[in-house]
Every structure is written in C-alpha cells, then in structure tokens.
Amino acid sequence: MSAEQTDVLERAGGRDWRRLPTGRRLVLALAALAAVLVPVAAFGSANDWWFLKFGGTPVPTTAPQVVKEGEWNGHPWQLIAYPSATHGLCISITPKDSRVDGAGGAMSCAPLVGVARTPESTAAPDVTITLLAGAGGKELPAHMVGAVIEEASVVEVRFGDGEVLRVPTFAGPEPLQHVRFYAAQLPTAIRLPPGTAAEFAEFLKWVAGLDASGTVVACHATQTAQNGSSSLSDCR
C-alpha cells in the first residue's frame, strides 16, 4: 500500500478525498497513490454540492448524481458519484440535509475499471474496487461505501478478527452504468481503529467483489495491495 498522504487525515490509500471534520469522526479510503490537485470548474456553480466548494476537488466531466438514498438509525444519507476529468470516479457519502455545508460528509476519488479515462487522467492504474469507511458521529453511524466493477453482485469485507460483512451491490446511473456501488452501516460490534493506515490494515483484511456464482472478481487486500490493486487470490 502506498505511503503517500494528502489532505486532513492520513489515508489508507485514496487518490483524492475530502471531508469536513465533525468531532472525532474518522474517514479512511482505500485505493493508492497521491493526487495531483486541480481547481473546481464550471460545475461548482451549477451543482451546489459541498465537495465542489473545496479548491482542488477533481473537476466533474458530468454533473454529480445521487446514486442511492437510504437511512441508517434514523440518519438519512445520499451516495453521490461523478466521473472526473483527472482522478477517475469520485464518490461522496453525505448526510441528506448536508448537501450545502457537508457536515459529516466525505469524498474519495480513484481511477476505476468501467469509468472512461480522459486525456487529463492520472497515469495511476485503474483499480477494481474502492472503499470509503467512516467511524461515525452525530450525523451518520459507522459505515462503509464504495464502487466495484460491474461483474460484482456482492461485496465481501473481511475484518482482521475474522468477521465478514456481505453487502449487495446496486447499479449506477448513466454515465456510470458499467460500475456497481455498495453502501452499508457497520454492525455495532465492528469498530474502526483510531486512525493510522497501519492500524486500518490490521483492522481490515480485505474487501472483495464477488460475481453471482461467488467467484472473486475484484480484490483489495490491505497488507499486500500495490497501487490500489491485489491479486484475486489475496481475497480468498
């Protein structure tokens, strides 16, 4: 896993991400390599999302879309995604009433298989699965969200203590119809570690995408990943 770091918190990967700090809320993103930060362009005024107000947010090639809405323990949320000009797919988990100020929200961006590249795209290789994890706070409980290649119908998260979380995937809208997404609240028994990449690698063994037959088709093993990707055998 890359040791590169950016923004407010040490990442367990994540080519680019944003968050607004709220109390002791923790956000960790998987993928790898540092981002070349770019300015927000015209979509910033056309779409009043909090993450587009931050300098350096990857520029959208199409307007951000709400991929899915839900509610965890009485806290409504939105999963927003857009393809960027430079850093692949950007995903944000945002409390539904925080579209403008972003309180409790987080963002991660990474080149992903199924998302078209542009002439400005980073040279970093495409990954097959991403994960953005939040330890929770007053806006949202602890959760994990991300994207995976379209062959995956289920995402399986294996923790260091042997616990396994299985989450169904769902389709993305155009122009993200060749990507699947997932979003899940963490069980109360599963608690994210205090915050370093090394601690997170011990906490989370791997996150994998499985097809309808149960075959692993995407893998990120936290202790062995190179440039955000792992051998499929590392997630078995």
Protein backbone atom coordinates (compact mmCIF):
# COMPACT_ATOMS: atom_id res chain seq x y z
CA MET A 1 0.00 0.00 0.00
CA SER A 2 1.24 3.45 -0.87
CA ALA A 3 2.58 5.62 1.94
CA GLU A 4 1.57 8.80 0.10
CA GLN A 5 -0.64 11.15 2.09
CA THR A 6 -2.85 14.13 1.32
CA ASP A 7 -5.38 16.49 2.91
CA VAL A 8 -6.57 16.42 6.51
CA LEU A 9 -6.07 12.83 7.61
CA GLU A 10 -3.56 10.09 6.81
CA ARG A 11 -5.12 7.86 4.21
CA ALA A 12 -5.16 4.09 3.98
CA GLY A 13 -4.99 4.82 0.26
CA GLY A 14 -7.34 7.06 -1.64
CA ARG A 15 -6.11 9.01 -4.61
CA ASP A 16 -8.06 12.03 -3.54
CA TRP A 17 -10.69 12.68 -0.92
CA ARG A 18 -12.35 15.41 1.08
CA ARG A 19 -14.12 15.54 4.39
CA LEU A 20 -15.45 18.05 6.85
CA PRO A 21 -14.23 17.22 10.37
CA THR A 22 -17.04 16.79 12.89
CA GLY A 23 -15.94 15.79 16.37
CA ARG A 24 -13.92 12.58 16.37
CA ARG A 25 -15.36 11.29 13.08
CA LEU A 26 -12.85 9.18 11.15
CA VAL A 27 -12.72 8.64 7.40
CA LEU A 28 -10.38 6.21 5.65
CA ALA A 29 -10.27 5.48 1.93
CA LEU A 30 -8.73 2.56 0.06
CA ALA A 31 -7.00 2.77 -3.33
CA ALA A 32 -3.49 4.37 -3.54
CA LEU A 33 -1.10 6.99 -4.88
CA ALA A 34 -1.14 10.73 -4.27
CA ALA A 35 -3.43 13.02 -6.25
CA VAL A 36 -2.45 15.99 -8.35
CA LEU A 37 -4.94 18.54 -7.08
CA VAL A 38 -6.92 20.54 -9.61
CA PRO A 39 -9.26 23.54 -9.32
CA VAL A 40 -13.05 23.31 -9.32
CA ALA A 41 -14.52 24.43 -12.64
CA ALA A 42 -17.94 25.33 -14.01
CA PHE A 43 -19.84 22.51 -12.32
CA GLY A 44 -19.15 24.15 -8.97
CA SER A 45 -21.74 26.83 -9.63
CA ALA A 46 -24.17 24.54 -11.43
CA ASN A 47 -24.23 21.96 -8.63
CA ASP A 48 -24.36 23.20 -5.09
CA TRP A 49 -22.61 20.23 -3.50
CA TRP A 50 -20.27 20.86 -0.58
CA PHE A 51 -17.33 18.99 -2.13
CA LEU A 52 -17.31 21.23 -5.20
CA LYS A 53 -16.64 24.23 -2.98
CA PHE A 54 -13.22 22.95 -1.97
CA GLY A 55 -10.21 24.06 -4.01
CA GLY A 56 -8.51 21.06 -5.56
CA THR A 57 -11.60 18.91 -5.95
CA PRO A 58 -11.34 16.90 -9.21
CA VAL A 59 -13.37 18.52 -11.97
CA PRO A 60 -16.54 16.63 -12.98
CA THR A 61 -16.99 15.60 -16.60
CA THR A 62 -20.73 15.21 -15.93
CA ALA A 63 -22.82 16.58 -13.08
CA PRO A 64 -22.70 14.70 -9.75
CA GLN A 65 -25.66 12.35 -9.34
CA VAL A 66 -27.36 10.82 -6.34
CA VAL A 67 -26.76 7.12 -6.90
CA LYS A 68 -28.73 5.95 -3.88
CA GLU A 69 -30.52 7.29 -0.81
CA GLY A 70 -31.08 5.49 2.44
CA GLU A 71 -31.34 5.79 6.20
CA TRP A 72 -29.20 4.36 8.98
CA ASN A 73 -30.57 4.54 12.54
CA GLY A 74 -32.78 7.46 11.62
CA HIS A 75 -29.99 9.30 9.76
CA PRO A 76 -30.83 9.80 6.06
CA TRP A 77 -27.88 9.74 3.65
CA GLN A 78 -27.07 10.12 -0.02
CA LEU A 79 -24.39 8.39 -2.05
CA ILE A 80 -23.24 10.79 -4.77
CA ALA A 81 -20.89 9.97 -7.63
CA TYR A 82 -19.40 11.58 -10.70
CA PRO A 83 -16.66 10.80 -13.24
CA SER A 84 -13.82 13.30 -13.01
CA ALA A 85 -11.51 14.69 -15.66
CA THR A 86 -8.36 13.63 -13.81
CA HIS A 87 -8.93 11.18 -10.96
CA GLY A 88 -11.46 8.64 -12.16
CA LEU A 89 -14.63 8.07 -10.16
CA CYS A 90 -15.40 10.38 -7.24
CA ILE A 91 -17.81 9.14 -4.55
CA SER A 92 -19.26 11.06 -1.64
CA ILE A 93 -21.30 9.84 1.30
CA THR A 94 -23.24 12.83 2.62
CA PRO A 95 -25.98 13.25 5.24
CA LYS A 96 -29.10 14.16 3.26
CA ASP A 97 -29.54 17.53 4.95
CA SER A 98 -25.87 18.48 4.46
CA ARG A 99 -25.75 18.95 0.69
CA VAL A 100 -24.51 22.52 1.02
CA ASP A 101 -22.30 22.55 4.13
CA GLY A 102 -21.17 18.90 4.00
CA ALA A 103 -21.27 18.34 7.77
CA GLY A 104 -20.45 14.68 8.31
CA GLY A 105 -19.72 14.10 4.63
CA ALA A 106 -16.68 12.52 2.97
CA MET A 107 -15.34 12.01 -0.54
CA SER A 108 -12.90 9.65 -2.26
CA CYS A 109 -11.70 9.54 -5.88
CA ALA A 110 -9.86 6.77 -7.74
CA PRO A 111 -9.46 5.52 -11.31
CA LEU A 112 -11.82 2.54 -11.60
CA VAL A 113 -12.34 -0.09 -14.26
CA GLY A 114 -15.54 0.83 -16.13
CA VAL A 115 -15.09 4.60 -15.81
CA ALA A 116 -13.85 6.23 -19.01
CA ARG A 117 -10.48 7.96 -18.93
CA THR A 118 -9.81 11.38 -20.40
CA PRO A 119 -6.63 12.92 -21.88
CA GLU A 120 -6.05 14.50 -18.46
CA SER A 121 -6.49 11.30 -16.42
CA THR A 122 -3.77 10.44 -13.93
CA ALA A 123 -1.34 7.75 -15.02
CA ALA A 124 -2.22 5.65 -11.99
CA PRO A 125 -3.68 2.26 -12.97
CA ASP A 126 -7.38 1.51 -12.70
CA VAL A 127 -8.50 -0.39 -9.62
CA THR A 128 -11.35 -2.91 -9.43
CA ILE A 129 -12.85 -1.91 -6.08
CA THR A 130 -12.81 1.08 -3.72
CA LEU A 131 -13.86 1.63 -0.13
CA LEU A 132 -14.57 4.71 1.97
CA ALA A 133 -15.12 3.99 5.67
CA GLY A 134 -16.40 6.32 8.37
CA ALA A 135 -16.24 5.69 12.12
CA GLY A 136 -19.45 7.59 12.62
CA GLY A 137 -20.61 10.61 14.57
CA LYS A 138 -23.73 12.60 15.24
CA GLU A 139 -24.57 12.88 11.51
CA LEU A 140 -24.05 9.24 10.45
CA PRO A 141 -23.28 5.95 12.19
CA ALA A 142 -20.18 3.93 11.24
CA HIS A 143 -20.39 2.82 7.63
CA MET A 144 -18.60 1.58 4.53
CA VAL A 145 -19.36 2.60 0.95
CA GLY A 146 -17.62 2.26 -2.39
CA ALA A 147 -17.66 1.16 -6.00
CA VAL A 148 -16.69 -2.05 -7.77
CA ILE A 149 -16.56 -3.43 -11.30
CA GLU A 150 -19.90 -4.31 -12.90
CA GLU A 151 -19.37 -8.09 -12.69
CA ALA A 152 -19.66 -7.95 -8.87
CA SER A 153 -23.08 -8.63 -7.40
CA VAL A 154 -21.85 -8.78 -3.79
CA VAL A 155 -19.05 -7.09 -1.88
CA GLU A 156 -17.47 -9.07 0.93
CA VAL A 157 -15.49 -7.29 3.64
CA ARG A 158 -13.28 -9.47 5.83
CA PHE A 159 -12.03 -7.98 9.06
CA GLY A 160 -8.86 -8.85 10.94
CA ASP A 161 -10.79 -10.64 13.70
CA GLY A 162 -12.40 -12.99 11.18
CA GLU A 163 -15.77 -11.24 10.97
CA VAL A 164 -17.26 -10.98 7.48
CA LEU A 165 -19.69 -8.37 6.16
CA ARG A 166 -21.52 -9.15 2.90
CA VAL A 167 -23.19 -6.27 1.07
CA PRO A 168 -25.24 -6.44 -2.16
CA THR A 169 -24.22 -4.09 -4.96
CA PHE A 170 -26.51 -1.86 -7.00
CA ALA A 171 -26.29 -0.35 -10.45
CA GLY A 172 -25.11 3.15 -11.22
CA PRO A 173 -26.90 5.63 -13.50
CA GLU A 174 -25.53 6.83 -16.83
CA PRO A 175 -22.69 7.50 -17.48
CA LEU A 176 -21.78 5.10 -14.66
CA GLN A 177 -23.88 2.17 -15.85
CA HIS A 178 -20.77 -0.03 -16.06
CA VAL A 179 -20.00 0.38 -12.36
CA ARG A 180 -21.68 -1.16 -9.30
CA PHE A 181 -21.90 0.53 -5.91
CA TYR A 182 -22.40 -0.61 -2.33
CA ALA A 183 -23.26 1.06 0.97
CA ALA A 184 -23.66 -0.46 4.42
CA GLN A 185 -23.90 0.54 8.04
CA LEU A 186 -21.34 -1.28 10.17
CA PRO A 187 -22.64 -3.58 12.91
CA THR A 188 -22.13 -2.07 16.36
CA ALA A 189 -19.70 -4.88 17.23
CA ILE A 190 -17.33 -3.71 14.48
CA ARG A 191 -15.44 -0.57 15.47
CA LEU A 192 -12.92 1.25 13.28
CA PRO A 193 -9.45 1.80 14.81
CA PRO A 194 -8.24 5.24 15.96
CA GLY A 195 -6.80 6.33 12.65
CA THR A 196 -3.45 5.31 11.13
CA ALA A 197 -3.05 3.37 7.90
CA ALA A 198 -1.18 0.60 9.73
CA GLU A 199 -3.97 0.18 12.26
CA PHE A 200 -6.55 0.10 9.49
CA ALA A 201 -4.58 -2.59 7.64
CA GLU A 202 -4.72 -4.74 10.79
CA PHE A 203 -8.41 -3.99 11.26
CA LEU A 204 -9.47 -4.75 7.67
CA LYS A 205 -8.00 -7.82 5.94
CA TRP A 206 -9.57 -7.30 2.54
CA VAL A 207 -12.54 -6.07 0.55
CA ALA A 208 -13.62 -8.12 -2.46
CA GLY A 209 -16.22 -8.15 -5.21
CA LEU A 210 -17.93 -11.49 -5.94
CA ASP A 211 -19.97 -12.36 -9.01
CA ALA A 212 -23.30 -14.21 -8.98
CA SER A 213 -21.51 -17.57 -8.72
CA GLY A 214 -19.47 -16.47 -5.70
CA THR A 215 -16.22 -16.10 -7.63
CA VAL A 216 -13.90 -13.27 -6.59
CA VAL A 217 -13.69 -10.77 -9.45
CA ALA A 218 -12.24 -7.76 -7.59
CA CYS A 219 -9.84 -7.56 -4.67
CA HIS A 220 -8.06 -5.10 -2.43
CA ALA A 221 -6.08 -6.75 0.37
CA THR A 222 -4.86 -4.01 2.70
CA GLN A 223 -1.48 -5.53 3.55
CA THR A 224 -0.46 -6.67 0.06
CA ALA A 225 -2.05 -4.19 -2.37
CA GLN A 226 0.19 -2.46 -4.89
CA ASN A 227 -1.11 0.76 -6.46
CA GLY A 228 -4.52 0.00 -5.02
CA SER A 229 -4.88 -3.48 -6.53
CA SER A 230 -4.29 -7.03 -5.34
CA SER A 231 -4.20 -10.47 -6.84
CA LEU A 232 -7.64 -12.10 -6.74
CA SER A 233 -6.08 -14.93 -4.74
CA ASP A 234 -5.36 -12.48 -1.89
CA CYS A 235 -9.12 -12.22 -1.22
CA ARG A 236 -9.83 -15.94 -0.73
